[in-house]
N, C-alpha and C. Protein backbone atom coordinates (compact mmCIF):
# COMPACT_ATOMS: atom_id res chain seq x y z
N MET A 1 0.84 -1.18 0.00
CA MET A 1 0.00 0.00 0.00
C MET A 1 0.89 1.24 0.00
N LYS A 2 0.63 2.12 -0.94
CA LYS A 2 1.35 3.39 -1.00
C LYS A 2 0.55 4.43 -0.23
N ALA A 3 1.19 5.10 0.70
CA ALA A 3 0.51 6.09 1.53
C ALA A 3 0.39 7.42 0.78
N ALA A 4 -0.67 8.15 1.08
CA ALA A 4 -0.89 9.48 0.53
C ALA A 4 -1.19 10.42 1.69
N ILE A 5 -0.93 11.67 1.49
CA ILE A 5 -1.19 12.68 2.52
C ILE A 5 -2.42 13.49 2.11
N ILE A 6 -3.32 13.69 3.07
CA ILE A 6 -4.51 14.51 2.86
C ILE A 6 -4.31 15.81 3.63
N SER A 7 -4.59 16.91 2.98
CA SER A 7 -4.52 18.21 3.64
C SER A 7 -5.89 18.87 3.50
N ALA A 8 -6.45 19.32 4.62
CA ALA A 8 -7.77 19.94 4.58
C ALA A 8 -7.80 21.13 5.53
N GLU A 9 -8.49 22.18 5.12
CA GLU A 9 -8.67 23.33 5.98
C GLU A 9 -9.92 23.10 6.82
N VAL A 10 -9.72 22.99 8.14
CA VAL A 10 -10.82 22.65 9.05
C VAL A 10 -10.77 23.61 10.24
N ASP A 11 -11.94 24.03 10.70
CA ASP A 11 -12.04 24.91 11.86
C ASP A 11 -11.32 24.28 13.05
N SER A 12 -10.49 25.06 13.73
CA SER A 12 -9.68 24.53 14.84
C SER A 12 -10.54 24.03 16.00
N GLU A 13 -11.68 24.66 16.24
CA GLU A 13 -12.57 24.19 17.32
C GLU A 13 -13.17 22.83 16.97
N LEU A 14 -13.47 22.63 15.69
CA LEU A 14 -13.99 21.34 15.25
C LEU A 14 -12.94 20.25 15.46
N ILE A 15 -11.71 20.55 15.10
CA ILE A 15 -10.62 19.58 15.28
C ILE A 15 -10.45 19.25 16.77
N SER A 16 -10.45 20.27 17.62
CA SER A 16 -10.29 20.05 19.06
C SER A 16 -11.41 19.19 19.63
N GLY A 17 -12.64 19.50 19.23
CA GLY A 17 -13.78 18.71 19.71
C GLY A 17 -13.71 17.27 19.26
N ALA A 18 -13.36 17.06 17.99
CA ALA A 18 -13.25 15.70 17.48
C ALA A 18 -12.10 14.96 18.14
N ALA A 19 -10.97 15.65 18.37
CA ALA A 19 -9.81 15.01 19.00
C ALA A 19 -10.15 14.50 20.39
N LYS A 20 -10.98 15.23 21.14
CA LYS A 20 -11.41 14.78 22.47
C LYS A 20 -12.17 13.46 22.36
N VAL A 21 -13.06 13.39 21.38
CA VAL A 21 -13.84 12.15 21.18
C VAL A 21 -12.90 11.01 20.80
N PHE A 22 -11.98 11.27 19.88
CA PHE A 22 -11.06 10.22 19.44
C PHE A 22 -10.21 9.71 20.61
N ARG A 23 -9.75 10.61 21.48
CA ARG A 23 -8.96 10.18 22.65
C ARG A 23 -9.80 9.28 23.55
N LYS A 24 -11.07 9.64 23.74
CA LYS A 24 -11.95 8.83 24.59
C LYS A 24 -12.10 7.41 24.06
N ILE A 25 -12.13 7.27 22.72
CA ILE A 25 -12.32 5.93 22.15
C ILE A 25 -11.00 5.29 21.73
N GLY A 26 -9.90 5.98 21.99
CA GLY A 26 -8.58 5.39 21.80
C GLY A 26 -8.05 5.34 20.38
N ILE A 27 -8.42 6.32 19.56
CA ILE A 27 -7.87 6.36 18.20
C ILE A 27 -7.32 7.75 17.91
N SER A 28 -6.43 7.82 16.94
CA SER A 28 -5.85 9.10 16.53
C SER A 28 -6.73 9.74 15.46
N GLU A 29 -6.43 10.99 15.16
CA GLU A 29 -7.15 11.68 14.09
C GLU A 29 -6.92 10.96 12.76
N SER A 30 -5.69 10.53 12.52
CA SER A 30 -5.38 9.80 11.28
C SER A 30 -6.17 8.51 11.18
N GLU A 31 -6.25 7.77 12.28
CA GLU A 31 -7.02 6.52 12.27
C GLU A 31 -8.50 6.79 12.02
N ALA A 32 -9.01 7.87 12.60
CA ALA A 32 -10.42 8.22 12.39
C ALA A 32 -10.69 8.55 10.92
N ILE A 33 -9.77 9.27 10.29
CA ILE A 33 -9.93 9.61 8.88
C ILE A 33 -9.89 8.35 8.02
N VAL A 34 -8.97 7.44 8.32
CA VAL A 34 -8.88 6.18 7.57
C VAL A 34 -10.17 5.38 7.74
N LEU A 35 -10.69 5.30 8.96
CA LEU A 35 -11.95 4.59 9.19
C LEU A 35 -13.08 5.20 8.37
N PHE A 36 -13.16 6.52 8.37
CA PHE A 36 -14.18 7.22 7.60
C PHE A 36 -14.05 6.87 6.12
N LEU A 37 -12.85 6.97 5.57
CA LEU A 37 -12.64 6.70 4.14
C LEU A 37 -12.97 5.25 3.79
N ARG A 38 -12.60 4.30 4.66
CA ARG A 38 -12.93 2.89 4.41
C ARG A 38 -14.44 2.68 4.36
N GLU A 39 -15.15 3.31 5.28
CA GLU A 39 -16.61 3.18 5.30
C GLU A 39 -17.24 3.78 4.04
N VAL A 40 -16.71 4.89 3.57
CA VAL A 40 -17.21 5.49 2.33
C VAL A 40 -17.03 4.52 1.17
N VAL A 41 -15.86 3.90 1.08
CA VAL A 41 -15.59 2.95 0.00
C VAL A 41 -16.50 1.73 0.11
N ILE A 42 -16.64 1.17 1.30
CA ILE A 42 -17.48 -0.02 1.50
C ILE A 42 -18.94 0.27 1.16
N ARG A 43 -19.46 1.39 1.67
CA ARG A 43 -20.89 1.72 1.49
C ARG A 43 -21.19 2.42 0.17
N GLN A 44 -20.17 2.99 -0.45
CA GLN A 44 -20.33 3.81 -1.65
C GLN A 44 -21.23 5.02 -1.38
N GLN A 45 -21.15 5.52 -0.18
CA GLN A 45 -21.88 6.72 0.25
C GLN A 45 -21.33 7.14 1.60
N LEU A 46 -21.79 8.27 2.10
CA LEU A 46 -21.36 8.68 3.43
C LEU A 46 -21.84 7.66 4.46
N PRO A 47 -21.03 7.38 5.49
CA PRO A 47 -21.41 6.35 6.47
C PRO A 47 -22.35 6.86 7.56
N PHE A 48 -23.10 7.89 7.27
CA PHE A 48 -24.07 8.43 8.21
C PHE A 48 -25.12 9.20 7.43
N GLU A 49 -26.25 9.44 8.06
CA GLU A 49 -27.30 10.20 7.40
C GLU A 49 -26.96 11.69 7.49
N SER A 50 -26.97 12.34 6.37
CA SER A 50 -26.67 13.77 6.35
C SER A 50 -27.85 14.55 6.90
N LEU A 51 -27.56 15.54 7.71
CA LEU A 51 -28.60 16.40 8.25
C LEU A 51 -28.89 17.58 7.34
N PHE A 52 -28.14 17.66 6.24
CA PHE A 52 -28.34 18.74 5.28
C PHE A 52 -29.35 18.29 4.23
N PRO A 53 -30.22 19.19 3.80
CA PRO A 53 -31.21 18.81 2.79
C PRO A 53 -30.56 18.53 1.43
N ASN A 54 -31.16 17.57 0.71
CA ASN A 54 -30.68 17.30 -0.65
C ASN A 54 -31.07 18.48 -1.55
N PRO A 55 -30.53 18.54 -2.77
CA PRO A 55 -30.81 19.70 -3.64
C PRO A 55 -32.30 19.96 -3.89
N THR A 56 -33.10 18.91 -4.06
CA THR A 56 -34.53 19.09 -4.31
C THR A 56 -35.21 19.71 -3.09
N THR A 57 -34.91 19.17 -1.90
CA THR A 57 -35.50 19.71 -0.68
C THR A 57 -35.05 21.14 -0.45
N PHE A 58 -33.77 21.40 -0.67
CA PHE A 58 -33.24 22.75 -0.50
C PHE A 58 -33.95 23.73 -1.42
N ASP A 59 -34.15 23.35 -2.68
CA ASP A 59 -34.83 24.21 -3.64
C ASP A 59 -36.28 24.46 -3.22
N THR A 60 -36.96 23.42 -2.74
CA THR A 60 -38.34 23.57 -2.26
C THR A 60 -38.39 24.52 -1.07
N MET A 61 -37.44 24.39 -0.15
CA MET A 61 -37.40 25.28 1.01
C MET A 61 -37.17 26.73 0.58
N ARG A 62 -36.29 26.93 -0.40
CA ARG A 62 -36.01 28.27 -0.90
C ARG A 62 -37.27 28.87 -1.52
N LYS A 63 -37.97 28.07 -2.35
CA LYS A 63 -39.20 28.55 -2.99
C LYS A 63 -40.27 28.88 -1.96
N THR A 64 -40.40 28.04 -0.94
CA THR A 64 -41.38 28.28 0.11
C THR A 64 -41.07 29.58 0.84
N ASP A 65 -39.80 29.77 1.19
CA ASP A 65 -39.40 31.01 1.87
C ASP A 65 -39.67 32.24 1.01
N ALA A 66 -39.57 32.08 -0.31
CA ALA A 66 -39.80 33.19 -1.23
C ALA A 66 -41.28 33.35 -1.58
N GLY A 67 -42.13 32.45 -1.06
CA GLY A 67 -43.56 32.51 -1.35
C GLY A 67 -43.92 32.00 -2.73
N GLU A 68 -43.04 31.21 -3.33
CA GLU A 68 -43.27 30.68 -4.67
C GLU A 68 -43.89 29.28 -4.61
N GLU A 69 -44.73 28.98 -5.60
CA GLU A 69 -45.32 27.65 -5.78
C GLU A 69 -46.04 27.14 -4.53
N LEU A 70 -46.74 28.02 -3.85
CA LEU A 70 -47.51 27.65 -2.67
C LEU A 70 -48.97 27.41 -3.05
N THR A 71 -49.62 26.49 -2.35
CA THR A 71 -51.03 26.23 -2.56
C THR A 71 -51.76 26.50 -1.25
N ALA A 72 -52.83 27.28 -1.31
CA ALA A 72 -53.62 27.58 -0.12
C ALA A 72 -54.92 26.79 -0.16
N TYR A 73 -55.36 26.35 1.00
CA TYR A 73 -56.62 25.62 1.13
C TYR A 73 -57.49 26.36 2.12
N LYS A 74 -58.83 26.31 1.89
CA LYS A 74 -59.73 27.05 2.78
C LYS A 74 -59.83 26.39 4.14
N ASP A 75 -59.68 25.06 4.18
CA ASP A 75 -59.69 24.34 5.45
C ASP A 75 -59.03 22.97 5.25
N VAL A 76 -58.92 22.22 6.34
CA VAL A 76 -58.23 20.92 6.28
C VAL A 76 -58.99 19.93 5.39
N ASN A 77 -60.31 20.01 5.37
CA ASN A 77 -61.09 19.10 4.53
C ASN A 77 -60.82 19.36 3.05
N ASP A 78 -60.66 20.63 2.69
CA ASP A 78 -60.31 21.00 1.32
C ASP A 78 -58.94 20.40 0.96
N PHE A 79 -58.01 20.47 1.89
CA PHE A 79 -56.68 19.88 1.68
C PHE A 79 -56.79 18.37 1.48
N TYR A 80 -57.55 17.70 2.36
CA TYR A 80 -57.70 16.25 2.26
C TYR A 80 -58.32 15.85 0.92
N ARG A 81 -59.33 16.60 0.48
CA ARG A 81 -59.95 16.32 -0.82
C ARG A 81 -58.92 16.41 -1.94
N GLU A 82 -58.13 17.46 -1.91
CA GLU A 82 -57.09 17.66 -2.94
C GLU A 82 -56.07 16.52 -2.93
N MET A 83 -55.76 16.01 -1.74
CA MET A 83 -54.78 14.92 -1.60
C MET A 83 -55.39 13.54 -1.86
N GLY A 84 -56.71 13.50 -1.99
CA GLY A 84 -57.38 12.22 -2.22
C GLY A 84 -57.49 11.36 -0.97
N ILE A 85 -57.52 12.02 0.15
CA ILE A 85 -57.59 11.30 1.44
C ILE A 85 -59.03 11.27 1.93
């Protein structure tokens, strides 16, 4: 295995907080990064659920905040009828 070096600009408080967790569980920052990368390769995706909205959800949230593409109903029964419930 040929080693490679990763360089990333990361907030120092984030690094400090993560380092405390890594010390508690007995691994180094380098070992944590390797574990993360292995999980990404194995799963072919991030090894955790992202709390950030996907592009479609983000776009919908932006449109809602801008008052675009909204539907108003006179009451809940009107909404249920429209939804076929």
